[in-house]
Amino acid sequence: MELINEKLILAYGLNKKEVEKLNSLLLKQNILPCKVIQKNMGNITIKEILCNVDDKKSDMELPNEKFLLFNNYKDKELYDLIDSIRGIKSSETILAAVTPTSINWTVNYLLEHLMEEREAYRKSE
């Protein structure tokens, strides 16, 4: 499955002030504002969100976590972008990139997977 070509950041769990800070920083770098994933979008796939299928909702609520999901950034761009947002995100915010596999996952499934990876990493330290 091919990735959506648009460079975009999907954000979940950020409060209004955090979203404003992130979008302000992105604007300074000529990057599109982030697309906010709502708490009731758990059963929607990443691809549907990237393709602006906003009218689809679910009754599955997502957990209280924060994550940023980066779409279509090359490695160097991604590392530079992460460095620039480091000061405005919390240390608990999960960062990930959309992959050819994860693009077809629901937000809930992806978030569960990312939380498991984070816990496994913490245990290995």
PDB file of N, CA and C in Angstrom:
ATOM      1  N   MET A   1       0.846  -1.188   0.000  1.00  0.00           N
ATOM      2  CA  MET A   1       0.000   0.000   0.000  1.00  0.00           C
ATOM      3  C   MET A   1       0.881   1.237   0.000  1.00  0.00           C
ATOM      4  N   GLU A   2       0.572   2.143  -0.879  1.00  0.00           N
ATOM      5  CA  GLU A   2       1.346   3.375  -1.002  1.00  0.00           C
ATOM      6  C   GLU A   2       0.899   4.394   0.047  1.00  0.00           C
ATOM      7  N   LEU A   3       1.847   5.146   0.550  1.00  0.00           N
ATOM      8  CA  LEU A   3       1.529   6.180   1.526  1.00  0.00           C
ATOM      9  C   LEU A   3       0.900   7.388   0.837  1.00  0.00           C
ATOM     10  N   ILE A   4       0.125   8.132   1.584  1.00  0.00           N
ATOM     11  CA  ILE A   4      -0.434   9.396   1.094  1.00  0.00           C
ATOM     12  C   ILE A   4       0.738  10.371   0.975  1.00  0.00           C
ATOM     13  N   ASN A   5       0.847  11.091  -0.141  1.00  0.00           N
ATOM     14  CA  ASN A   5       2.023  11.910  -0.417  1.00  0.00           C
ATOM     15  C   ASN A   5       2.112  13.214   0.355  1.00  0.00           C
ATOM     16  N   GLU A   6       1.050  13.647   0.970  1.00  0.00           N
ATOM     17  CA  GLU A   6       1.061  14.926   1.663  1.00  0.00           C
ATOM     18  C   GLU A   6       1.831  14.827   2.990  1.00  0.00           C
ATOM     19  N   LYS A   7       2.689  15.815   3.223  1.00  0.00           N
ATOM     20  CA  LYS A   7       3.394  15.893   4.505  1.00  0.00           C
ATOM     21  C   LYS A   7       2.412  16.461   5.513  1.00  0.00           C
ATOM     22  N   LEU A   8       2.180  15.703   6.561  1.00  0.00           N
ATOM     23  CA  LEU A   8       1.182  16.094   7.534  1.00  0.00           C
ATOM     24  C   LEU A   8       1.508  15.469   8.880  1.00  0.00           C
ATOM     25  N   ILE A   9       1.151  16.189   9.933  1.00  0.00           N
ATOM     26  CA  ILE A   9       1.310  15.654  11.279  1.00  0.00           C
ATOM     27  C   ILE A   9      -0.081  15.450  11.861  1.00  0.00           C
ATOM     28  N   LEU A  10      -0.336  14.247  12.354  1.00  0.00           N
ATOM     29  CA  LEU A  10      -1.580  13.957  13.054  1.00  0.00           C
ATOM     30  C   LEU A  10      -1.282  14.059  14.540  1.00  0.00           C
ATOM     31  N   ALA A  11      -2.140  14.737  15.268  1.00  0.00           N
ATOM     32  CA  ALA A  11      -1.918  14.947  16.702  1.00  0.00           C
ATOM     33  C   ALA A  11      -3.114  14.426  17.479  1.00  0.00           C
ATOM     34  N   TYR A  12      -2.829  13.743  18.581  1.00  0.00           N
ATOM     35  CA  TYR A  12      -3.891  13.260  19.453  1.00  0.00           C
ATOM     36  C   TYR A  12      -3.529  13.537  20.911  1.00  0.00           C
ATOM     37  N   GLY A  13      -4.518  13.973  21.676  1.00  0.00           N
ATOM     38  CA  GLY A  13      -4.347  14.120  23.113  1.00  0.00           C
ATOM     39  C   GLY A  13      -3.756  15.445  23.558  1.00  0.00           C
ATOM     40  N   LEU A  14      -3.400  16.304  22.625  1.00  0.00           N
ATOM     41  CA  LEU A  14      -2.836  17.602  22.987  1.00  0.00           C
ATOM     42  C   LEU A  14      -3.966  18.546  23.393  1.00  0.00           C
ATOM     43  N   ASN A  15      -3.681  19.400  24.366  1.00  0.00           N
ATOM     44  CA  ASN A  15      -4.693  20.389  24.719  1.00  0.00           C
ATOM     45  C   ASN A  15      -4.632  21.541  23.710  1.00  0.00           C
ATOM     46  N   LYS A  16      -5.584  22.454  23.826  1.00  0.00           N
ATOM     47  CA  LYS A  16      -5.696  23.552  22.848  1.00  0.00           C
ATOM     48  C   LYS A  16      -4.412  24.378  22.774  1.00  0.00           C
ATOM     49  N   LYS A  17      -3.821  24.661  23.927  1.00  0.00           N
ATOM     50  CA  LYS A  17      -2.604  25.471  23.961  1.00  0.00           C
ATOM     51  C   LYS A  17      -1.437  24.738  23.273  1.00  0.00           C
ATOM     52  N   GLU A  18      -1.325  23.438  23.500  1.00  0.00           N
ATOM     53  CA  GLU A  18      -0.262  22.655  22.866  1.00  0.00           C
ATOM     54  C   GLU A  18      -0.436  22.610  21.355  1.00  0.00           C
ATOM     55  N   VAL A  19      -1.682  22.473  20.899  1.00  0.00           N
ATOM     56  CA  VAL A  19      -1.956  22.475  19.449  1.00  0.00           C
ATOM     57  C   VAL A  19      -1.589  23.829  18.856  1.00  0.00           C
ATOM     58  N   GLU A  20      -1.943  24.901  19.548  1.00  0.00           N
ATOM     59  CA  GLU A  20      -1.604  26.246  19.062  1.00  0.00           C
ATOM     60  C   GLU A  20      -0.097  26.440  18.975  1.00  0.00           C
ATOM     61  N   LYS A  21       0.643  26.007  19.988  1.00  0.00           N
ATOM     62  CA  LYS A  21       2.108  26.124  19.967  1.00  0.00           C
ATOM     63  C   LYS A  21       2.699  25.317  18.821  1.00  0.00           C
ATOM     64  N   LEU A  22       2.203  24.095  18.645  1.00  0.00           N
ATOM     65  CA  LEU A  22       2.702  23.240  17.568  1.00  0.00           C
ATOM     66  C   LEU A  22       2.425  23.882  16.216  1.00  0.00           C
ATOM     67  N   ASN A  23       1.202  24.331  16.006  1.00  0.00           N
ATOM     68  CA  ASN A  23       0.852  24.931  14.712  1.00  0.00           C
ATOM     69  C   ASN A  23       1.616  26.221  14.455  1.00  0.00           C
ATOM     70  N   SER A  24       1.890  26.990  15.490  1.00  0.00           N
ATOM     71  CA  SER A  24       2.695  28.201  15.341  1.00  0.00           C
ATOM     72  C   SER A  24       4.103  27.847  14.873  1.00  0.00           C
ATOM     73  N   LEU A  25       4.680  26.830  15.484  1.00  0.00           N
ATOM     74  CA  LEU A  25       6.015  26.387  15.091  1.00  0.00           C
ATOM     75  C   LEU A  25       6.011  25.846  13.658  1.00  0.00           C
ATOM     76  N   LEU A  26       4.982  25.080  13.304  1.00  0.00           N
ATOM     77  CA  LEU A  26       4.887  24.523  11.951  1.00  0.00           C
ATOM     78  C   LEU A  26       4.739  25.629  10.914  1.00  0.00           C
ATOM     79  N   LEU A  27       3.940  26.631  11.234  1.00  0.00           N
ATOM     80  CA  LEU A  27       3.735  27.759  10.322  1.00  0.00           C
ATOM     81  C   LEU A  27       5.050  28.467  10.018  1.00  0.00           C
ATOM     82  N   LYS A  28       5.888  28.640  11.039  1.00  0.00           N
ATOM     83  CA  LYS A  28       7.190  29.286  10.851  1.00  0.00           C
ATOM     84  C   LYS A  28       8.087  28.491   9.914  1.00  0.00           C
ATOM     85  N   GLN A  29       7.818  27.172   9.822  1.00  0.00           N
ATOM     86  CA  GLN A  29       8.618  26.303   8.957  1.00  0.00           C
ATOM     87  C   GLN A  29       7.900  25.982   7.643  1.00  0.00           C
ATOM     88  N   ASN A  30       6.839  26.716   7.355  1.00  0.00           N
ATOM     89  CA  ASN A  30       6.035  26.493   6.140  1.00  0.00           C
ATOM     90  C   ASN A  30       5.501  25.074   6.030  1.00  0.00           C
ATOM     91  N   ILE A  31       5.052  24.560   7.167  1.00  0.00           N
ATOM     92  CA  ILE A  31       4.471  23.220   7.226  1.00  0.00           C
ATOM     93  C   ILE A  31       2.989  23.370   7.543  1.00  0.00           C
ATOM     94  N   LEU A  32       2.166  22.519   6.933  1.00  0.00           N
ATOM     95  CA  LEU A  32       0.722  22.563   7.185  1.00  0.00           C
ATOM     96  C   LEU A  32       0.429  22.397   8.670  1.00  0.00           C
ATOM     97  N   PRO A  33      -0.648  23.022   9.165  1.00  0.00           N
ATOM     98  CA  PRO A  33      -1.026  22.814  10.565  1.00  0.00           C
ATOM     99  C   PRO A  33      -1.320  21.327  10.810  1.00  0.00           C
ATOM    100  N   CYS A  34      -1.160  20.913  12.040  1.00  0.00           N
ATOM    101  CA  CYS A  34      -1.425  19.510  12.355  1.00  0.00           C
ATOM    102  C   CYS A  34      -2.916  19.224  12.215  1.00  0.00           C
ATOM    103  N   LYS A  35      -3.215  17.989  11.974  1.00  0.00           N
ATOM    104  CA  LYS A  35      -4.604  17.537  11.917  1.00  0.00           C
ATOM    105  C   LYS A  35      -4.871  16.837  13.245  1.00  0.00           C
ATOM    106  N   VAL A  36      -5.876  17.303  13.962  1.00  0.00           N
ATOM    107  CA  VAL A  36      -6.157  16.784  15.292  1.00  0.00           C
ATOM    108  C   VAL A  36      -7.085  15.570  15.201  1.00  0.00           C
ATOM    109  N   ILE A  37      -6.667  14.499  15.829  1.00  0.00           N
ATOM    110  CA  ILE A  37      -7.487  13.297  15.942  1.00  0.00           C
ATOM    111  C   ILE A  37      -8.329  13.460  17.208  1.00  0.00           C
ATOM    112  N   GLN A  38      -9.633  13.310  17.067  1.00  0.00           N
ATOM    113  CA  GLN A  38     -10.543  13.458  18.194  1.00  0.00           C
ATOM    114  C   GLN A  38     -10.666  12.154  18.980  1.00  0.00           C
ATOM    115  N   LYS A  39     -11.080  12.271  20.221  1.00  0.00           N
ATOM    116  CA  LYS A  39     -11.185  11.126  21.127  1.00  0.00           C
ATOM    117  C   LYS A  39     -12.143  10.051  20.605  1.00  0.00           C
ATOM    118  N   ASN A  40     -13.121  10.435  19.788  1.00  0.00           N
ATOM    119  CA  ASN A  40     -14.108   9.475  19.292  1.00  0.00           C
ATOM    120  C   ASN A  40     -13.772   8.927  17.899  1.00  0.00           C
ATOM    121  N   MET A  41     -12.513   8.993  17.516  1.00  0.00           N
ATOM    122  CA  MET A  41     -12.102   8.527  16.182  1.00  0.00           C
ATOM    123  C   MET A  41     -11.317   7.216  16.236  1.00  0.00           C
ATOM    124  N   GLY A  42     -11.519   6.428  17.283  1.00  0.00           N
ATOM    125  CA  GLY A  42     -10.742   5.206  17.493  1.00  0.00           C
ATOM    126  C   GLY A  42     -10.862   4.163  16.403  1.00  0.00           C
ATOM    127  N   ASN A  43     -12.020   4.041  15.771  1.00  0.00           N
ATOM    128  CA  ASN A  43     -12.225   3.011  14.747  1.00  0.00           C
ATOM    129  C   ASN A  43     -11.968   3.493  13.333  1.00  0.00           C
ATOM    130  N   ILE A  44     -11.396   4.672  13.189  1.00  0.00           N
ATOM    131  CA  ILE A  44     -11.093   5.213  11.865  1.00  0.00           C
ATOM    132  C   ILE A  44      -9.640   4.901  11.534  1.00  0.00           C
ATOM    133  N   THR A  45      -9.363   4.536  10.294  1.00  0.00           N
ATOM    134  CA  THR A  45      -7.991   4.209   9.919  1.00  0.00           C
ATOM    135  C   THR A  45      -7.180   5.482   9.706  1.00  0.00           C
ATOM    136  N   ILE A  46      -5.880   5.333   9.825  1.00  0.00           N
ATOM    137  CA  ILE A  46      -4.970   6.457   9.586  1.00  0.00           C
ATOM    138  C   ILE A  46      -5.165   6.978   8.158  1.00  0.00           C
ATOM    139  N   LYS A  47      -5.327   6.072   7.216  1.00  0.00           N
ATOM    140  CA  LYS A  47      -5.526   6.469   5.819  1.00  0.00           C
ATOM    141  C   LYS A  47      -6.787   7.323   5.666  1.00  0.00           C
ATOM    142  N   GLU A  48      -7.870   6.943   6.336  1.00  0.00           N
ATOM    143  CA  GLU A  48      -9.106   7.724   6.246  1.00  0.00           C
ATOM    144  C   GLU A  48      -8.900   9.129   6.807  1.00  0.00           C
ATOM    145  N   ILE A  49      -8.154   9.229   7.880  1.00  0.00           N
ATOM    146  CA  ILE A  49      -7.887  10.557   8.451  1.00  0.00           C
ATOM    147  C   ILE A  49      -7.038  11.383   7.493  1.00  0.00           C
ATOM    148  N   LEU A  50      -6.013  10.776   6.924  1.00  0.00           N
ATOM    149  CA  LEU A  50      -5.161  11.488   5.972  1.00  0.00           C
ATOM    150  C   LEU A  50      -5.934  11.910   4.725  1.00  0.00           C
ATOM    151  N   CYS A  51      -6.944  11.127   4.368  1.00  0.00           N
ATOM    152  CA  CYS A  51      -7.769  11.435   3.190  1.00  0.00           C
ATOM    153  C   CYS A  51      -8.980  12.290   3.540  1.00  0.00           C
ATOM    154  N   ASN A  52      -8.986  12.834   4.760  1.00  0.00           N
ATOM    155  CA  ASN A  52     -10.040  13.753   5.201  1.00  0.00           C
ATOM    156  C   ASN A  52     -11.427  13.132   5.279  1.00  0.00           C
ATOM    157  N   VAL A  53     -11.500  11.894   5.704  1.00  0.00           N
ATOM    158  CA  VAL A  53     -12.801  11.283   5.938  1.00  0.00           C
ATOM    159  C   VAL A  53     -13.198  11.644   7.370  1.00  0.00           C
ATOM    160  N   ASP A  54     -13.666  12.881   7.534  1.00  0.00           N
ATOM    161  CA  ASP A  54     -13.954  13.412   8.868  1.00  0.00           C
ATOM    162  C   ASP A  54     -15.343  13.074   9.378  1.00  0.00           C
ATOM    163  N   ASP A  55     -16.248  12.724   8.487  1.00  0.00           N
ATOM    164  CA  ASP A  55     -17.617  12.517   8.932  1.00  0.00           C
ATOM    165  C   ASP A  55     -17.823  11.153   9.591  1.00  0.00           C
ATOM    166  N   LYS A  56     -16.810  10.322   9.562  1.00  0.00           N
ATOM    167  CA  LYS A  56     -16.920   8.999  10.155  1.00  0.00           C
ATOM    168  C   LYS A  56     -16.503   9.076  11.622  1.00  0.00           C
ATOM    169  N   LYS A  57     -17.380   8.669  12.500  1.00  0.00           N
ATOM    170  CA  LYS A  57     -17.095   8.684  13.932  1.00  0.00           C
ATOM    171  C   LYS A  57     -17.324   7.282  14.474  1.00  0.00           C
ATOM    172  N   SER A  58     -16.860   7.056  15.684  1.00  0.00           N
ATOM    173  CA  SER A  58     -17.110   5.771  16.323  1.00  0.00           C
ATOM    174  C   SER A  58     -17.474   6.026  17.774  1.00  0.00           C
ATOM    175  N   ASP A  59     -18.000   5.023  18.423  1.00  0.00           N
ATOM    176  CA  ASP A  59     -18.321   5.175  19.832  1.00  0.00           C
ATOM    177  C   ASP A  59     -17.175   4.681  20.712  1.00  0.00           C
ATOM    178  N   MET A  60     -16.075   4.283  20.074  1.00  0.00           N
ATOM    179  CA  MET A  60     -14.893   3.840  20.814  1.00  0.00           C
ATOM    180  C   MET A  60     -14.062   5.057  21.184  1.00  0.00           C
ATOM    181  N   GLU A  61     -13.886   5.270  22.483  1.00  0.00           N
ATOM    182  CA  GLU A  61     -13.064   6.385  22.926  1.00  0.00           C
ATOM    183  C   GLU A  61     -11.627   5.935  23.107  1.00  0.00           C
ATOM    184  N   LEU A  62     -10.723   6.785  22.714  1.00  0.00           N
ATOM    185  CA  LEU A  62      -9.296   6.507  22.825  1.00  0.00           C
ATOM    186  C   LEU A  62      -8.809   6.806  24.242  1.00  0.00           C
ATOM    187  N   PRO A  63      -7.715   6.159  24.657  1.00  0.00           N
ATOM    188  CA  PRO A  63      -7.176   6.417  26.004  1.00  0.00           C
ATOM    189  C   PRO A  63      -6.577   7.818  26.115  1.00  0.00           C
ATOM    190  N   ASN A  64      -6.354   8.243  27.333  1.00  0.00           N
ATOM    191  CA  ASN A  64      -5.742   9.554  27.594  1.00  0.00           C
ATOM    192  C   ASN A  64      -4.237   9.454  27.403  1.00  0.00           C
ATOM    193  N   GLU A  65      -3.818   9.591  26.191  1.00  0.00           N
ATOM    194  CA  GLU A  65      -2.405   9.571  25.797  1.00  0.00           C
ATOM    195  C   GLU A  65      -2.188  10.753  24.879  1.00  0.00           C
ATOM    196  N   LYS A  66      -0.922  11.030  24.581  1.00  0.00           N
ATOM    197  CA  LYS A  66      -0.577  12.051  23.601  1.00  0.00           C
ATOM    198  C   LYS A  66       0.332  11.417  22.572  1.00  0.00           C
ATOM    199  N   PHE A  67       0.012  11.649  21.300  1.00  0.00           N
ATOM    200  CA  PHE A  67       0.950  11.199  20.275  1.00  0.00           C
ATOM    201  C   PHE A  67       0.911  12.101  19.064  1.00  0.00           C
ATOM    202  N   LEU A  68       2.060  12.121  18.384  1.00  0.00           N
ATOM    203  CA  LEU A  68       2.214  12.830  17.120  1.00  0.00           C
ATOM    204  C   LEU A  68       2.608  11.794  16.090  1.00  0.00           C
ATOM    205  N   LEU A  69       1.912  11.803  14.978  1.00  0.00           N
ATOM    206  CA  LEU A  69       2.150  10.838  13.916  1.00  0.00           C
ATOM    207  C   LEU A  69       2.535  11.615  12.662  1.00  0.00           C
ATOM    208  N   PHE A  70       3.714  11.327  12.138  1.00  0.00           N
ATOM    209  CA  PHE A  70       4.278  12.081  11.017  1.00  0.00           C
ATOM    210  C   PHE A  70       4.075  11.310   9.722  1.00  0.00           C
ATOM    211  N   ASN A  71       3.512  11.977   8.728  1.00  0.00           N
ATOM    212  CA  ASN A  71       3.261  11.338   7.443  1.00  0.00           C
ATOM    213  C   ASN A  71       4.127  11.930   6.337  1.00  0.00           C
ATOM    214  N   ASN A  72       4.832  11.058   5.640  1.00  0.00           N
ATOM    215  CA  ASN A  72       5.567  11.384   4.417  1.00  0.00           C
ATOM    216  C   ASN A  72       6.768  12.313   4.620  1.00  0.00           C
ATOM    217  N   TYR A  73       7.438  12.201   5.744  1.00  0.00           N
ATOM    218  CA  TYR A  73       8.671  12.961   5.976  1.00  0.00           C
ATOM    219  C   TYR A  73       9.864  12.052   5.753  1.00  0.00           C
ATOM    220  N   LYS A  74      10.849  12.558   5.040  1.00  0.00           N
ATOM    221  CA  LYS A  74      12.109  11.832   4.886  1.00  0.00           C
ATOM    222  C   LYS A  74      12.840  11.861   6.223  1.00  0.00           C
ATOM    223  N   ASP A  75      13.756  10.921   6.440  1.00  0.00           N
ATOM    224  CA  ASP A  75      14.437  10.791   7.734  1.00  0.00           C
ATOM    225  C   ASP A  75      15.026  12.099   8.236  1.00  0.00           C
ATOM    226  N   LYS A  76      15.794  12.779   7.416  1.00  0.00           N
ATOM    227  CA  LYS A  76      16.456  14.022   7.830  1.00  0.00           C
ATOM    228  C   LYS A  76      15.422  15.083   8.220  1.00  0.00           C
ATOM    229  N   GLU A  77      14.389  15.228   7.386  1.00  0.00           N
ATOM    230  CA  GLU A  77      13.315  16.182   7.681  1.00  0.00           C
ATOM    231  C   GLU A  77      12.642  15.839   9.012  1.00  0.00           C
ATOM    232  N   LEU A  78      12.403  14.565   9.208  1.00  0.00           N
ATOM    233  CA  LEU A  78      11.727  14.108  10.416  1.00  0.00           C
ATOM    234  C   LEU A  78      12.563  14.389  11.659  1.00  0.00           C
ATOM    235  N   TYR A  79      13.851  14.065  11.600  1.00  0.00           N
ATOM    236  CA  TYR A  79      14.731  14.323  12.751  1.00  0.00           C
ATOM    237  C   TYR A  79      14.809  15.814  13.061  1.00  0.00           C
ATOM    238  N   ASP A  80      14.920  16.640  12.029  1.00  0.00           N
ATOM    239  CA  ASP A  80      14.979  18.090  12.231  1.00  0.00           C
ATOM    240  C   ASP A  80      13.666  18.610  12.827  1.00  0.00           C
ATOM    241  N   LEU A  81      12.554  18.103  12.329  1.00  0.00           N
ATOM    242  CA  LEU A  81      11.248  18.514  12.821  1.00  0.00           C
ATOM    243  C   LEU A  81      11.060  18.103  14.285  1.00  0.00           C
ATOM    244  N   ILE A  82      11.443  16.893  14.609  1.00  0.00           N
ATOM    245  CA  ILE A  82      11.332  16.412  15.993  1.00  0.00           C
ATOM    246  C   ILE A  82      12.198  17.268  16.912  1.00  0.00           C
ATOM    247  N   ASP A  83      13.411  17.597  16.465  1.00  0.00           N
ATOM    248  CA  ASP A  83      14.274  18.477  17.264  1.00  0.00           C
ATOM    249  C   ASP A  83      13.597  19.821  17.520  1.00  0.00           C
ATOM    250  N   SER A  84      12.925  20.357  16.511  1.00  0.00           N
ATOM    251  CA  SER A  84      12.319  21.680  16.652  1.00  0.00           C
ATOM    252  C   SER A  84      11.084  21.660  17.560  1.00  0.00           C
ATOM    253  N   ILE A  85      10.388  20.528  17.657  1.00  0.00           N
ATOM    254  CA  ILE A  85       9.194  20.477  18.510  1.00  0.00           C
ATOM    255  C   ILE A  85       9.480  19.920  19.904  1.00  0.00           C
ATOM    256  N   ARG A  86      10.700  19.508  20.134  1.00  0.00           N
ATOM    257  CA  ARG A  86      11.058  18.907  21.426  1.00  0.00           C
ATOM    258  C   ARG A  86      10.670  19.795  22.612  1.00  0.00           C
ATOM    259  N   GLY A  87      10.827  21.104  22.466  1.00  0.00           N
ATOM    260  CA  GLY A  87      10.542  22.021  23.557  1.00  0.00           C
ATOM    261  C   GLY A  87       9.072  22.258  23.832  1.00  0.00           C
ATOM    262  N   ILE A  88       8.198  21.888  22.905  1.00  0.00           N
ATOM    263  CA  ILE A  88       6.774  22.154  23.116  1.00  0.00           C
ATOM    264  C   ILE A  88       5.953  20.897  23.372  1.00  0.00           C
ATOM    265  N   LYS A  89       6.588  19.755  23.354  1.00  0.00           N
ATOM    266  CA  LYS A  89       5.847  18.515  23.633  1.00  0.00           C
ATOM    267  C   LYS A  89       6.257  17.989  25.000  1.00  0.00           C
ATOM    268  N   SER A  90       5.381  17.214  25.611  1.00  0.00           N
ATOM    269  CA  SER A  90       5.728  16.621  26.901  1.00  0.00           C
ATOM    270  C   SER A  90       6.614  15.397  26.674  1.00  0.00           C
ATOM    271  N   SER A  91       7.314  15.005  27.706  1.00  0.00           N
ATOM    272  CA  SER A  91       8.205  13.840  27.584  1.00  0.00           C
ATOM    273  C   SER A  91       7.411  12.551  27.374  1.00  0.00           C
ATOM    274  N   GLU A  92       6.143  12.557  27.722  1.00  0.00           N
ATOM    275  CA  GLU A  92       5.299  11.370  27.565  1.00  0.00           C
ATOM    276  C   GLU A  92       4.683  11.246  26.170  1.00  0.00           C
ATOM    277  N   THR A  93       4.811  12.276  25.344  1.00  0.00           N
ATOM    278  CA  THR A  93       4.216  12.248  24.009  1.00  0.00           C
ATOM    279  C   THR A  93       4.902  11.193  23.158  1.00  0.00           C
ATOM    280  N   ILE A  94       4.105  10.313  22.574  1.00  0.00           N
ATOM    281  CA  ILE A  94       4.631   9.269  21.697  1.00  0.00           C
ATOM    282  C   ILE A  94       4.806   9.860  20.300  1.00  0.00           C
ATOM    283  N   LEU A  95       5.954   9.615  19.704  1.00  0.00           N
ATOM    284  CA  LEU A  95       6.237  10.078  18.343  1.00  0.00           C
ATOM    285  C   LEU A  95       6.369   8.860  17.435  1.00  0.00           C
ATOM    286  N   ALA A  96       5.752   8.922  16.264  1.00  0.00           N
ATOM    287  CA  ALA A  96       5.825   7.801  15.328  1.00  0.00           C
ATOM    288  C   ALA A  96       5.642   8.328  13.908  1.00  0.00           C
ATOM    289  N   ALA A  97       6.029   7.504  12.963  1.00  0.00           N
ATOM    290  CA  ALA A  97       5.844   7.827  11.546  1.00  0.00           C
ATOM    291  C   ALA A  97       4.836   6.848  10.941  1.00  0.00           C
ATOM    292  N   VAL A  98       4.041   7.346  10.015  1.00  0.00           N
ATOM    293  CA  VAL A  98       3.112   6.477   9.283  1.00  0.00           C
ATOM    294  C   VAL A  98       3.941   5.551   8.403  1.00  0.00           C
ATOM    295  N   THR A  99       3.608   4.278   8.433  1.00  0.00           N
ATOM    296  CA  THR A  99       4.292   3.287   7.603  1.00  0.00           C
ATOM    297  C   THR A  99       3.290   2.677   6.627  1.00  0.00           C
ATOM    298  N   PRO A 100       3.786   1.938   5.618  1.00  0.00           N
ATOM    299  CA  PRO A 100       2.857   1.272   4.703  1.00  0.00           C
ATOM    300  C   PRO A 100       1.922   0.294   5.421  1.00  0.00           C
ATOM    301  N   THR A 101       2.330  -0.209   6.572  1.00  0.00           N
ATOM    302  CA  THR A 101       1.476  -1.107   7.350  1.00  0.00           C
ATOM    303  C   THR A 101       0.515  -0.314   8.227  1.00  0.00           C
ATOM    304  N   SER A 102       1.053   0.656   8.984  1.00  0.00           N
ATOM    305  CA  SER A 102       0.210   1.364   9.959  1.00  0.00           C
ATOM    306  C   SER A 102      -0.837   2.268   9.317  1.00  0.00           C
ATOM    307  N   ILE A 103      -0.665   2.630   8.074  1.00  0.00           N
ATOM    308  CA  ILE A 103      -1.644   3.496   7.410  1.00  0.00           C
ATOM    309  C   ILE A 103      -3.016   2.828   7.342  1.00  0.00           C
ATOM    310  N   ASN A 104      -3.036   1.505   7.367  1.00  0.00           N
ATOM    311  CA  ASN A 104      -4.296   0.764   7.290  1.00  0.00           C
ATOM    312  C   ASN A 104      -4.852   0.388   8.660  1.00  0.00           C
ATOM    313  N   TRP A 105      -4.160   0.739   9.712  1.00  0.00           N
ATOM    314  CA  TRP A 105      -4.618   0.431  11.068  1.00  0.00           C
ATOM    315  C   TRP A 105      -5.582   1.500  11.554  1.00  0.00           C
ATOM    316  N   THR A 106      -6.457   1.103  12.473  1.00  0.00           N
ATOM    317  CA  THR A 106      -7.311   2.096  13.116  1.00  0.00           C
ATOM    318  C   THR A 106      -6.450   2.878  14.102  1.00  0.00           C
ATOM    319  N   VAL A 107      -6.929   4.050  14.467  1.00  0.00           N
ATOM    320  CA  VAL A 107      -6.205   4.878  15.431  1.00  0.00           C
ATOM    321  C   VAL A 107      -6.041   4.112  16.744  1.00  0.00           C
ATOM    322  N   ASN A 108      -7.101   3.457  17.189  1.00  0.00           N
ATOM    323  CA  ASN A 108      -7.040   2.708  18.442  1.00  0.00           C
ATOM    324  C   ASN A 108      -5.983   1.613  18.393  1.00  0.00           C
ATOM    325  N   TYR A 109      -5.957   0.844  17.307  1.00  0.00           N
ATOM    326  CA  TYR A 109      -4.985  -0.250  17.176  1.00  0.00           C
ATOM    327  C   TYR A 109      -3.559   0.305  17.159  1.00  0.00           C
ATOM    328  N   LEU A 110      -3.341   1.379  16.411  1.00  0.00           N
ATOM    329  CA  LEU A 110      -2.014   1.988  16.342  1.00  0.00           C
ATOM    330  C   LEU A 110      -1.588   2.494  17.714  1.00  0.00           C
ATOM    331  N   LEU A 111      -2.473   3.189  18.402  1.00  0.00           N
ATOM    332  CA  LEU A 111      -2.132   3.739  19.710  1.00  0.00           C
ATOM    333  C   LEU A 111      -1.803   2.624  20.704  1.00  0.00           C
ATOM    334  N   GLU A 112      -2.587   1.553  20.699  1.00  0.00           N
ATOM    335  CA  GLU A 112      -2.286   0.408  21.571  1.00  0.00           C
ATOM    336  C   GLU A 112      -0.901  -0.151  21.260  1.00  0.00           C
ATOM    337  N   HIS A 113      -0.597  -0.304  19.980  1.00  0.00           N
ATOM    338  CA  HIS A 113       0.705  -0.819  19.537  1.00  0.00           C
ATOM    339  C   HIS A 113       1.837   0.097  20.007  1.00  0.00           C
ATOM    340  N   LEU A 114       1.664   1.404  19.841  1.00  0.00           N
ATOM    341  CA  LEU A 114       2.697   2.361  20.244  1.00  0.00           C
ATOM    342  C   LEU A 114       2.892   2.374  21.761  1.00  0.00           C
ATOM    343  N   MET A 115       1.816   2.219  22.517  1.00  0.00           N
ATOM    344  CA  MET A 115       1.922   2.182  23.978  1.00  0.00           C
ATOM    345  C   MET A 115       2.658   0.917  24.420  1.00  0.00           C
ATOM    346  N   GLU A 116       2.388  -0.210  23.754  1.00  0.00           N
ATOM    347  CA  GLU A 116       3.104  -1.457  24.063  1.00  0.00           C
ATOM    348  C   GLU A 116       4.589  -1.317  23.764  1.00  0.00           C
ATOM    349  N   GLU A 117       4.924  -0.707  22.625  1.00  0.00           N
ATOM    350  CA  GLU A 117       6.328  -0.492  22.271  1.00  0.00           C
ATOM    351  C   GLU A 117       7.021   0.390  23.306  1.00  0.00           C
ATOM    352  N   ARG A 118       6.333   1.437  23.748  1.00  0.00           N
ATOM    353  CA  ARG A 118       6.910   2.335  24.751  1.00  0.00           C
ATOM    354  C   ARG A 118       7.189   1.579  26.048  1.00  0.00           C
ATOM    355  N   GLU A 119       6.254   0.752  26.484  1.00  0.00           N
ATOM    356  CA  GLU A 119       6.445  -0.009  27.722  1.00  0.00           C
ATOM    357  C   GLU A 119       7.582  -1.022  27.579  1.00  0.00           C
ATOM    358  N   ALA A 120       7.666  -1.679  26.433  1.00  0.00           N
ATOM    359  CA  ALA A 120       8.749  -2.638  26.203  1.00  0.00           C
ATOM    360  C   ALA A 120      10.096  -1.924  26.227  1.00  0.00           C
ATOM    361  N   TYR A 121      10.151  -0.737  25.649  1.00  0.00           N
ATOM    362  CA  TYR A 121      11.400   0.053  25.635  1.00  0.00           C
ATOM    363  C   TYR A 121      11.783   0.442  27.055  1.00  0.00           C
ATOM    364  N   ARG A 122      10.819   0.883  27.848  1.00  0.00           N
ATOM    365  CA  ARG A 122      11.102   1.278  29.239  1.00  0.00           C
ATOM    366  C   ARG A 122      11.641   0.104  30.049  1.00  0.00           C
ATOM    367  N   LYS A 123      11.084  -1.072  29.833  1.00  0.00           N
ATOM    368  CA  LYS A 123      11.523  -2.256  30.561  1.00  0.00           C
ATOM    369  C   LYS A 123      12.921  -2.691  30.170  1.00  0.00           C
ATOM    370  N   SER A 124      13.317  -2.382  28.942  1.00  0.00           N
ATOM    371  CA  SER A 124      14.633  -2.801  28.455  1.00  0.00           C
ATOM    372  C   SER A 124      15.747  -1.856  28.875  1.00  0.00           C
ATOM    373  N   GLU A 125      15.390  -0.681  29.390  1.00  0.00           N
ATOM    374  CA  GLU A 125      16.427   0.307  29.764  1.00  0.00           C
ATOM    375  C   GLU A 125      17.160  -0.094  31.017  1.00  0.00           C
TER     376      GLU A 125
END
